[in-house]
PDB file of N, CA and C in Angstrom:
ATOM      1  N   MET A   1       0.479 -26.660 -11.144  1.00  0.00           N
ATOM      2  CA  MET A   1       0.876 -24.958 -11.658  1.00  0.00           C
ATOM      3  C   MET A   1       0.115 -24.272 -11.563  1.00  0.00           C
ATOM      4  N   ASN A   2      -1.383 -24.245 -11.287  1.00  0.00           N
ATOM      5  CA  ASN A   2      -2.422 -23.158 -11.569  1.00  0.00           C
ATOM      6  C   ASN A   2      -1.737 -21.896 -10.168  1.00  0.00           C
ATOM      7  N   LYS A   3      -1.595 -22.434  -9.159  1.00  0.00           N
ATOM      8  CA  LYS A   3      -0.899 -21.691  -7.984  1.00  0.00           C
ATOM      9  C   LYS A   3       0.396 -21.054  -8.257  1.00  0.00           C
ATOM     10  N   ILE A   4       1.137 -21.435  -9.186  1.00  0.00           N
ATOM     11  CA  ILE A   4       2.265 -20.753  -9.391  1.00  0.00           C
ATOM     12  C   ILE A   4       1.924 -19.434 -10.798  1.00  0.00           C
ATOM     13  N   LEU A   5       1.364 -20.035 -11.395  1.00  0.00           N
ATOM     14  CA  LEU A   5       0.605 -18.684 -12.699  1.00  0.00           C
ATOM     15  C   LEU A   5      -0.034 -17.699 -12.103  1.00  0.00           C
ATOM     16  N   ASP A   6      -1.256 -18.060 -11.338  1.00  0.00           N
ATOM     17  CA  ASP A   6      -1.726 -16.967 -10.195  1.00  0.00           C
ATOM     18  C   ASP A   6      -0.937 -16.175  -9.074  1.00  0.00           C
ATOM     19  N   GLU A   7       0.242 -16.526  -8.750  1.00  0.00           N
ATOM     20  CA  GLU A   7       1.093 -16.509  -7.803  1.00  0.00           C
ATOM     21  C   GLU A   7       2.059 -15.221  -8.234  1.00  0.00           C
ATOM     22  N   TYR A   8       2.727 -15.409  -9.432  1.00  0.00           N
ATOM     23  CA  TYR A   8       3.644 -15.222 -10.595  1.00  0.00           C
ATOM     24  C   TYR A   8       3.182 -14.666 -11.708  1.00  0.00           C
ATOM     25  N   LYS A   9       1.886 -14.191 -12.185  1.00  0.00           N
ATOM     26  CA  LYS A   9       1.418 -14.011 -13.797  1.00  0.00           C
ATOM     27  C   LYS A   9       2.097 -12.911 -13.816  1.00  0.00           C
ATOM     28  N   THR A  10       2.338 -11.985 -13.468  1.00  0.00           N
ATOM     29  CA  THR A  10       3.086 -10.701 -13.958  1.00  0.00           C
ATOM     30  C   THR A  10       4.360 -11.080 -13.821  1.00  0.00           C
ATOM     31  N   ASN A  11       4.876 -12.066 -13.694  1.00  0.00           N
ATOM     32  CA  ASN A  11       6.758 -12.001 -13.891  1.00  0.00           C
ATOM     33  C   ASN A  11       6.771 -13.079 -14.778  1.00  0.00           C
ATOM     34  N   ILE A  12       6.001 -14.038 -14.958  1.00  0.00           N
ATOM     35  CA  ILE A  12       5.837 -15.054 -16.080  1.00  0.00           C
ATOM     36  C   ILE A  12       5.655 -14.775 -17.494  1.00  0.00           C
ATOM     37  N   SER A  13       6.680 -14.635 -18.741  1.00  0.00           N
ATOM     38  CA  SER A  13       6.086 -14.509 -19.576  1.00  0.00           C
ATOM     39  C   SER A  13       6.022 -15.457 -20.819  1.00  0.00           C
ATOM     40  N   ASN A  14       6.577 -16.887 -20.387  1.00  0.00           N
ATOM     41  CA  ASN A  14       6.307 -17.750 -21.391  1.00  0.00           C
ATOM     42  C   ASN A  14       6.067 -19.261 -20.484  1.00  0.00           C
ATOM     43  N   PHE A  15       5.625 -19.938 -20.525  1.00  0.00           N
ATOM     44  CA  PHE A  15       5.271 -21.270 -19.883  1.00  0.00           C
ATOM     45  C   PHE A  15       4.871 -22.244 -20.429  1.00  0.00           C
ATOM     46  N   GLU A  16       5.880 -22.971 -20.514  1.00  0.00           N
ATOM     47  CA  GLU A  16       5.941 -24.785 -21.314  1.00  0.00           C
ATOM     48  C   GLU A  16       5.736 -25.901 -21.156  1.00  0.00           C
ATOM     49  N   LEU A  17       4.678 -26.583 -21.422  1.00  0.00           N
ATOM     50  CA  LEU A  17       5.159 -27.810 -20.950  1.00  0.00           C
ATOM     51  C   LEU A  17       5.101 -28.803 -21.902  1.00  0.00           C
ATOM     52  N   LEU A  18       6.473 -29.729 -22.170  1.00  0.00           N
ATOM     53  CA  LEU A  18       6.577 -30.597 -23.371  1.00  0.00           C
ATOM     54  C   LEU A  18       6.614 -31.885 -23.075  1.00  0.00           C
ATOM     55  N   PRO A  19       5.881 -32.725 -23.730  1.00  0.00           N
ATOM     56  CA  PRO A  19       5.938 -33.996 -23.560  1.00  0.00           C
ATOM     57  C   PRO A  19       7.272 -34.993 -23.772  1.00  0.00           C
ATOM     58  N   SER A  20       7.530 -35.692 -23.401  1.00  0.00           N
ATOM     59  CA  SER A  20       8.992 -35.946 -22.927  1.00  0.00           C
ATOM     60  C   SER A  20       8.827 -38.032 -23.007  1.00  0.00           C
ATOM     61  N   VAL A  21       9.755 -38.717 -22.827  1.00  0.00           N
ATOM     62  CA  VAL A  21       9.910 -40.133 -22.397  1.00  0.00           C
ATOM     63  C   VAL A  21      11.286 -40.321 -22.183  1.00  0.00           C
ATOM     64  N   ASN A  22      11.071 -41.841 -21.607  1.00  0.00           N
ATOM     65  CA  ASN A  22      12.161 -42.358 -20.814  1.00  0.00           C
ATOM     66  C   ASN A  22      12.300 -41.728 -19.357  1.00  0.00           C
ATOM     67  N   GLY A  23      11.400 -41.030 -18.581  1.00  0.00           N
ATOM     68  CA  GLY A  23      11.312 -40.683 -17.294  1.00  0.00           C
ATOM     69  C   GLY A  23      11.902 -39.135 -17.295  1.00  0.00           C
ATOM     70  N   VAL A  24      12.137 -38.518 -18.237  1.00  0.00           N
ATOM     71  CA  VAL A  24      12.421 -37.055 -18.296  1.00  0.00           C
ATOM     72  C   VAL A  24      11.609 -36.312 -17.435  1.00  0.00           C
ATOM     73  N   PHE A  25      11.536 -35.307 -16.660  1.00  0.00           N
ATOM     74  CA  PHE A  25      10.948 -34.748 -15.680  1.00  0.00           C
ATOM     75  C   PHE A  25      12.163 -33.314 -15.510  1.00  0.00           C
ATOM     76  N   ASP A  26      12.265 -32.568 -16.117  1.00  0.00           N
ATOM     77  CA  ASP A  26      13.367 -31.539 -16.166  1.00  0.00           C
ATOM     78  C   ASP A  26      12.308 -30.034 -16.445  1.00  0.00           C
ATOM     79  N   VAL A  27      12.742 -29.209 -15.535  1.00  0.00           N
ATOM     80  CA  VAL A  27      12.310 -27.871 -15.302  1.00  0.00           C
ATOM     81  C   VAL A  27      13.555 -27.033 -14.980  1.00  0.00           C
ATOM     82  N   PHE A  28      13.230 -25.773 -16.333  1.00  0.00           N
ATOM     83  CA  PHE A  28      14.252 -24.842 -16.547  1.00  0.00           C
ATOM     84  C   PHE A  28      13.140 -23.523 -16.065  1.00  0.00           C
ATOM     85  N   ILE A  29      14.370 -22.894 -15.972  1.00  0.00           N
ATOM     86  CA  ILE A  29      13.734 -21.411 -14.891  1.00  0.00           C
ATOM     87  C   ILE A  29      14.562 -20.358 -16.047  1.00  0.00           C
ATOM     88  N   ASP A  30      14.140 -19.710 -16.467  1.00  0.00           N
ATOM     89  CA  ASP A  30      15.089 -18.834 -17.738  1.00  0.00           C
ATOM     90  C   ASP A  30      16.278 -19.763 -18.352  1.00  0.00           C
ATOM     91  N   GLY A  31      16.233 -20.885 -18.908  1.00  0.00           N
ATOM     92  CA  GLY A  31      16.997 -21.483 -19.720  1.00  0.00           C
ATOM     93  C   GLY A  31      18.045 -22.251 -18.674  1.00  0.00           C
ATOM     94  N   ALA A  32      17.709 -21.977 -17.601  1.00  0.00           N
ATOM     95  CA  ALA A  32      18.746 -22.681 -16.700  1.00  0.00           C
ATOM     96  C   ALA A  32      17.971 -23.995 -15.944  1.00  0.00           C
ATOM     97  N   LEU A  33      18.634 -25.172 -15.547  1.00  0.00           N
ATOM     98  CA  LEU A  33      17.971 -26.417 -15.534  1.00  0.00           C
ATOM     99  C   LEU A  33      18.203 -26.475 -13.719  1.00  0.00           C
ATOM    100  N   VAL A  34      16.696 -26.303 -13.550  1.00  0.00           N
ATOM    101  CA  VAL A  34      16.942 -26.047 -11.864  1.00  0.00           C
ATOM    102  C   VAL A  34      16.129 -27.354 -10.987  1.00  0.00           C
ATOM    103  N   PHE A  35      15.653 -28.372 -11.857  1.00  0.00           N
ATOM    104  CA  PHE A  35      14.958 -30.102 -11.284  1.00  0.00           C
ATOM    105  C   PHE A  35      15.300 -30.642 -12.689  1.00  0.00           C
ATOM    106  N   SER A  36      15.900 -32.090 -12.469  1.00  0.00           N
ATOM    107  CA  SER A  36      15.810 -32.922 -13.246  1.00  0.00           C
ATOM    108  C   SER A  36      15.474 -33.887 -12.498  1.00  0.00           C
ATOM    109  N   ARG A  37      14.929 -35.188 -12.650  1.00  0.00           N
ATOM    110  CA  ARG A  37      14.327 -35.956 -11.939  1.00  0.00           C
ATOM    111  C   ARG A  37      15.363 -37.429 -12.946  1.00  0.00           C
ATOM    112  N   LYS A  38      15.673 -37.244 -13.537  1.00  0.00           N
ATOM    113  CA  LYS A  38      16.908 -38.305 -14.227  1.00  0.00           C
ATOM    114  C   LYS A  38      18.262 -38.201 -13.566  1.00  0.00           C
ATOM    115  N   ALA A  39      18.585 -36.857 -13.041  1.00  0.00           N
ATOM    116  CA  ALA A  39      20.221 -36.570 -12.339  1.00  0.00           C
ATOM    117  C   ALA A  39      19.616 -37.079 -10.698  1.00  0.00           C
ATOM    118  N   ILE A  40      18.580 -36.928 -10.474  1.00  0.00           N
ATOM    119  CA  ILE A  40      18.576 -37.108  -8.870  1.00  0.00           C
ATOM    120  C   ILE A  40      17.812 -38.292  -8.855  1.00  0.00           C
ATOM    121  N   ASN A  41      17.018 -39.126  -9.395  1.00  0.00           N
ATOM    122  CA  ASN A  41      16.357 -40.494  -9.565  1.00  0.00           C
ATOM    123  C   ASN A  41      15.536 -40.409  -8.876  1.00  0.00           C
ATOM    124  N   ARG A  42      14.949 -39.296  -8.900  1.00  0.00           N
ATOM    125  CA  ARG A  42      13.485 -39.190  -8.181  1.00  0.00           C
ATOM    126  C   ARG A  42      12.044 -38.373  -8.253  1.00  0.00           C
ATOM    127  N   MET A  43      11.329 -38.378  -8.341  1.00  0.00           N
ATOM    128  CA  MET A  43      10.056 -37.308  -8.608  1.00  0.00           C
ATOM    129  C   MET A  43      10.148 -36.013  -7.893  1.00  0.00           C
ATOM    130  N   PRO A  44       9.784 -35.018  -7.844  1.00  0.00           N
ATOM    131  CA  PRO A  44      10.107 -33.988  -6.743  1.00  0.00           C
ATOM    132  C   PRO A  44       8.667 -34.169  -6.154  1.00  0.00           C
ATOM    133  N   ASN A  45       9.396 -33.913  -4.900  1.00  0.00           N
ATOM    134  CA  ASN A  45       8.415 -33.896  -3.753  1.00  0.00           C
ATOM    135  C   ASN A  45       7.232 -32.880  -3.284  1.00  0.00           C
ATOM    136  N   GLU A  46       6.267 -32.912  -2.575  1.00  0.00           N
ATOM    137  CA  GLU A  46       5.198 -32.025  -3.140  1.00  0.00           C
ATOM    138  C   GLU A  46       5.797 -30.625  -2.627  1.00  0.00           C
ATOM    139  N   ASN A  47       5.215 -29.631  -3.470  1.00  0.00           N
ATOM    140  CA  ASN A  47       5.757 -27.979  -3.082  1.00  0.00           C
ATOM    141  C   ASN A  47       7.351 -27.610  -3.836  1.00  0.00           C
ATOM    142  N   GLU A  48       8.297 -28.889  -4.153  1.00  0.00           N
ATOM    143  CA  GLU A  48       9.615 -28.615  -4.930  1.00  0.00           C
ATOM    144  C   GLU A  48       9.753 -27.823  -5.211  1.00  0.00           C
ATOM    145  N   ILE A  49       9.223 -28.144  -6.716  1.00  0.00           N
ATOM    146  CA  ILE A  49       8.915 -27.268  -7.794  1.00  0.00           C
ATOM    147  C   ILE A  49       8.407 -25.982  -7.744  1.00  0.00           C
ATOM    148  N   GLU A  50       7.195 -25.680  -7.095  1.00  0.00           N
ATOM    149  CA  GLU A  50       6.486 -24.190  -6.121  1.00  0.00           C
ATOM    150  C   GLU A  50       8.007 -23.772  -5.803  1.00  0.00           C
ATOM    151  N   ASP A  51       8.703 -24.274  -4.579  1.00  0.00           N
ATOM    152  CA  ASP A  51       9.707 -23.736  -3.751  1.00  0.00           C
ATOM    153  C   ASP A  51      10.891 -23.097  -4.748  1.00  0.00           C
ATOM    154  N   LEU A  52      11.344 -23.761  -5.908  1.00  0.00           N
ATOM    155  CA  LEU A  52      12.374 -23.651  -6.702  1.00  0.00           C
ATOM    156  C   LEU A  52      11.917 -22.832  -7.547  1.00  0.00           C
ATOM    157  N   ILE A  53      11.023 -22.441  -7.875  1.00  0.00           N
ATOM    158  CA  ILE A  53      10.479 -21.237  -9.034  1.00  0.00           C
ATOM    159  C   ILE A  53      10.100 -20.461  -7.946  1.00  0.00           C
ATOM    160  N   ALA A  54       9.896 -20.442  -6.680  1.00  0.00           N
ATOM    161  CA  ALA A  54       9.723 -18.932  -5.539  1.00  0.00           C
ATOM    162  C   ALA A  54      11.076 -18.534  -5.660  1.00  0.00           C
ATOM    163  N   SER A  55      12.103 -19.244  -5.192  1.00  0.00           N
ATOM    164  CA  SER A  55      13.181 -18.953  -5.221  1.00  0.00           C
ATOM    165  C   SER A  55      13.814 -18.427  -6.281  1.00  0.00           C
ATOM    166  N   LYS A  56      13.667 -18.637  -7.280  1.00  0.00           N
ATOM    167  CA  LYS A  56      13.578 -17.965  -8.324  1.00  0.00           C
ATOM    168  C   LYS A  56      13.675 -16.733  -9.067  1.00  0.00           C
ATOM    169  N   MET A  57      12.414 -16.109  -8.415  1.00  0.00           N
ATOM    170  CA  MET A  57      11.648 -15.080  -8.853  1.00  0.00           C
ATOM    171  C   MET A  57      11.962 -13.892  -8.088  1.00  0.00           C
TER     172      MET A  57
END
């Protein structure tokens, strides 16, 4: 996450990590769900979240 914050620090106004239960790992950008571990039944691949964030910036 440091890489994301360093690269997009001028574009990110809010960043939150919220604890969850039952295997939930969701990533939202501007309120839109862009990744859901539970929906696709797997954890993200290496750099997958970073790539999703980069595509939305």
